[in-house]
Protein backbone atom coordinates (compact mmCIF):
# COMPACT_ATOMS: atom_id res chain seq x y z
CA MET A 1 16.07 49.47 -11.20
CA ASP A 2 15.91 52.58 -13.33
CA LYS A 3 12.63 54.48 -12.90
CA LYS A 4 12.28 54.92 -16.67
CA PHE A 5 12.50 51.14 -17.15
CA ASP A 6 9.83 50.60 -14.48
CA GLN A 7 7.47 52.85 -16.45
CA LEU A 8 7.75 50.78 -19.64
CA ASN A 9 5.17 48.13 -20.48
CA ILE A 10 6.16 44.47 -20.81
CA HIS A 11 6.47 44.70 -24.61
CA GLN A 12 8.84 47.66 -24.40
CA LYS A 13 10.95 45.97 -21.72
CA MET A 14 11.23 42.82 -23.81
CA GLU A 15 12.18 44.85 -26.89
CA LEU A 16 15.13 46.33 -24.99
CA LEU A 17 16.26 42.93 -23.76
CA ILE A 18 15.86 41.30 -27.18
CA ALA A 19 17.72 44.14 -28.91
CA ASP A 20 20.62 43.56 -26.52
CA MET A 21 20.52 39.82 -27.20
CA ILE A 22 20.54 40.38 -30.96
CA GLU A 23 23.45 42.79 -30.58
CA LYS A 24 25.34 40.07 -28.68
CA GLU A 25 24.31 37.48 -31.30
CA VAL A 26 22.48 35.20 -28.87
CA ARG A 27 20.99 32.39 -30.91
CA PHE A 28 17.19 32.25 -31.14
CA ARG A 29 17.03 28.72 -29.75
CA ASP A 30 19.25 29.66 -26.79
CA ALA A 31 17.15 32.76 -26.06
CA LEU A 32 13.92 30.73 -26.02
CA LYS A 33 15.44 28.07 -23.81
CA GLU A 34 16.71 30.64 -21.31
CA PHE A 35 13.36 32.46 -21.28
CA GLN A 36 11.47 29.24 -20.56
CA LYS A 37 13.90 28.21 -17.83
CA ILE A 38 13.68 31.54 -16.01
CA TYR A 39 9.90 31.69 -16.48
CA ILE A 40 9.41 28.25 -14.90
CA GLU A 41 11.89 28.91 -12.08
CA LEU A 42 10.21 32.19 -11.12
CA ALA A 43 6.77 30.55 -11.23
CA ALA A 44 8.13 27.81 -8.98
CA LYS A 45 9.24 30.39 -6.44
CA LYS A 46 5.86 32.14 -6.52
CA TYR A 47 3.90 28.91 -6.10
CA LYS A 48 6.46 27.33 -3.74
CA GLY A 49 7.08 24.48 -6.17
CA ASN A 50 3.42 23.43 -6.34
CA ARG A 51 3.38 22.12 -9.90
CA THR A 52 -0.41 21.94 -10.12
CA LYS A 53 -0.78 25.63 -9.26
CA MET A 54 2.16 26.54 -11.51
CA ALA A 55 0.73 24.64 -14.47
CA LYS A 56 -2.67 26.27 -14.05
CA ALA A 57 -1.15 29.76 -13.81
CA LEU A 58 1.08 29.16 -16.86
CA GLY A 59 -1.71 27.58 -18.91
CA LEU A 60 0.04 24.22 -19.18
CA HIS A 61 -0.92 20.68 -18.28
CA ARG A 62 0.96 19.51 -15.18
CA ASN A 63 2.67 16.74 -17.18
CA THR A 64 3.71 19.23 -19.86
CA LEU A 65 5.24 21.44 -17.19
CA HIS A 66 7.10 18.45 -15.72
CA ASN A 67 8.42 17.41 -19.14
CA ARG A 68 9.44 20.97 -20.02
CA ALA A 69 11.32 21.37 -16.73
CA LYS A 70 13.05 18.04 -17.38
CA SER A 71 14.02 19.01 -20.94
CA LEU A 72 15.41 22.32 -19.68
CA LYS A 73 17.43 20.39 -17.09
CA ILE A 74 15.77 22.09 -14.13
CA LYS A 75 16.78 19.49 -11.56
CA LYS A 76 14.61 20.64 -8.67
CA LEU A 77 12.09 23.41 -8.90
CA PRO A 78 12.69 26.11 -6.27
CA GLY A 79 10.39 25.67 -3.32
CA GLY A 80 9.50 22.13 -4.37
């Protein structure tokens, strides 16, 4: 990855990504859905699919995490 990008803070990185999405006319709802899906999948990899640890780290109740994954059509969480 570009060294300049690595030096940006999370807000600046997200601004670049969002600007690109707006330029490509990605719908708000689709952007949120994709963000949530990737966020949960990456957390699943980190916590090896342990939903209790994932939920705690993400600040969600375990049932909320399960329901969100189901609504996003995440069939099987990586590592789980």
